[in-house]
Amino acid sequence: MKALADLIFTTDFFYSIFRVTTPLLFAAMGAVISDVAGVPNIALEGMMLIAAFAGMFFSYLFESALMGLVFALFFAVLAASVLAFFTLYYKTNIILGGIAINSLASGGTIFFLYLAAHDKGTSVSLASKVLPNINIPLIQDIPVIGPAISGHNVLTYVAVAAVIFTFFLLNRTSLGWHIRAVGEKREAADSVGISVEKTQAIALILSGVMCGFGGAFMSMGYVSWFSRDMVSGRGWIALAAEAMGQQHPLGTAATSLLFGVADALSNAVATLGWPSDLVRTIPYCATLAGLAIFSIRTYRRLKNS
C-alpha cells in the first residue's frame, strides 16, 4: 500500500488524471448536448474512433497535425450528419443508428488501416504527427501545481473550454434554449415555430464536433499512432458520466473527472506488477459502481416524491 501511496501522491499522477480525462470530457459534453435535445447519441464511441483514424492518417498524408485535426473533425461531423439524416428525416431508430455507426467505425477503421499501413493492429509504420503540448506562463513555475496543470496537450485545454462552451451554449444562447425546449417538450417547441428536426440535427452535429476533438486527442495527443478499437469504451463511459451528471455540463464534467481518476489509478497500479487483467477492469468497475449509486439515489428520490 505504501508503494501505491507513493505513486498516487505525486504530480505525475495528477498530471495523468487530466490527461486521461480529456477524451472523456469531450465525449461527455457531446452526450450532454445531444441528450438535452432529446436525441441520445450512443455512437460516441464510433465517432471518436473514426476521428482518431482520420487524425492519424491525414496528419501523415499532409505531414501536418493541424490538417489531421481538421479531418478528424470533418469525419466525426460527417458520421454525426449521417446519423442525424437517417434518424431525424427517415425516422430510423436512433439506438439502432448509433449501433450501426459504432459497428461501421470498428470494422471500417481496421479495413482502411490495412489499406494504409498493411497492418490490422497499429499504424506505427505511418509517420503521423502529434498536436503540441503547451506550457502555461507563470503557472508552470508554481511548485507542485505547475507540473500538474501545465505542459498538457493543447486539446486538454480545449476540453476545459468545451465544458465552459457547453454550459453557456445551453444556458445563455437562443440555440441552447431551443435545444432545451425541443428536448423537454417537442410539441410545444414546434407550436412556437422552432424547427424540431433542425435543432436536433444541430445538436447531433455539435456532439460530433466534440467526438472529433476527443478522437483526435486519442491518436494525436494521448499517443502518436492509431490502434484497433483504441477508444476502448470511453464513449460508453462518457454516456455513464452524462447520466450521473443529470445532463448538466458541470456535473457531467465532475463525474468524468472521477472516472479519469479511476483510469489514472489503473495506469499507476499497472507499474506495481498487479495482474494486468485486473488492472484493466478498474475504470469499468468504477463506471458500474457509479451507475449503481446513481440508480439507487434516483429510485429513492422517485419513491419519496
Foldseek 3Di string as FASTA:
>chain_A
DVLLVVLCPALVLLLQLLLLLLLLLLLLLLQLLLVLLVQGQLLLLLLLLQLLLQLQVVCLVVVHSVRSLVRLLVSLLVLLLVLLCCCLVVVDDSVVSSVVSNVCSQVVSQVVCCVVCVDSFKNVVGQGAAAAFAQDPPLCPDPSRNSNPGRAGPSSVVSVVSLVVSQCLLPPDPLNVLSNCNNVPVVVSVVVPRDSSVSSSVSSSSSSSSSSSSSSCQCRGSHVIRGRSSCVCSSVLSNLLCVLLVSRSVSSSVSSSVLSSQLSSLVSCVVVVDPNVVSVCRSVVVSVVSSVVSVVVVVVVVVVD
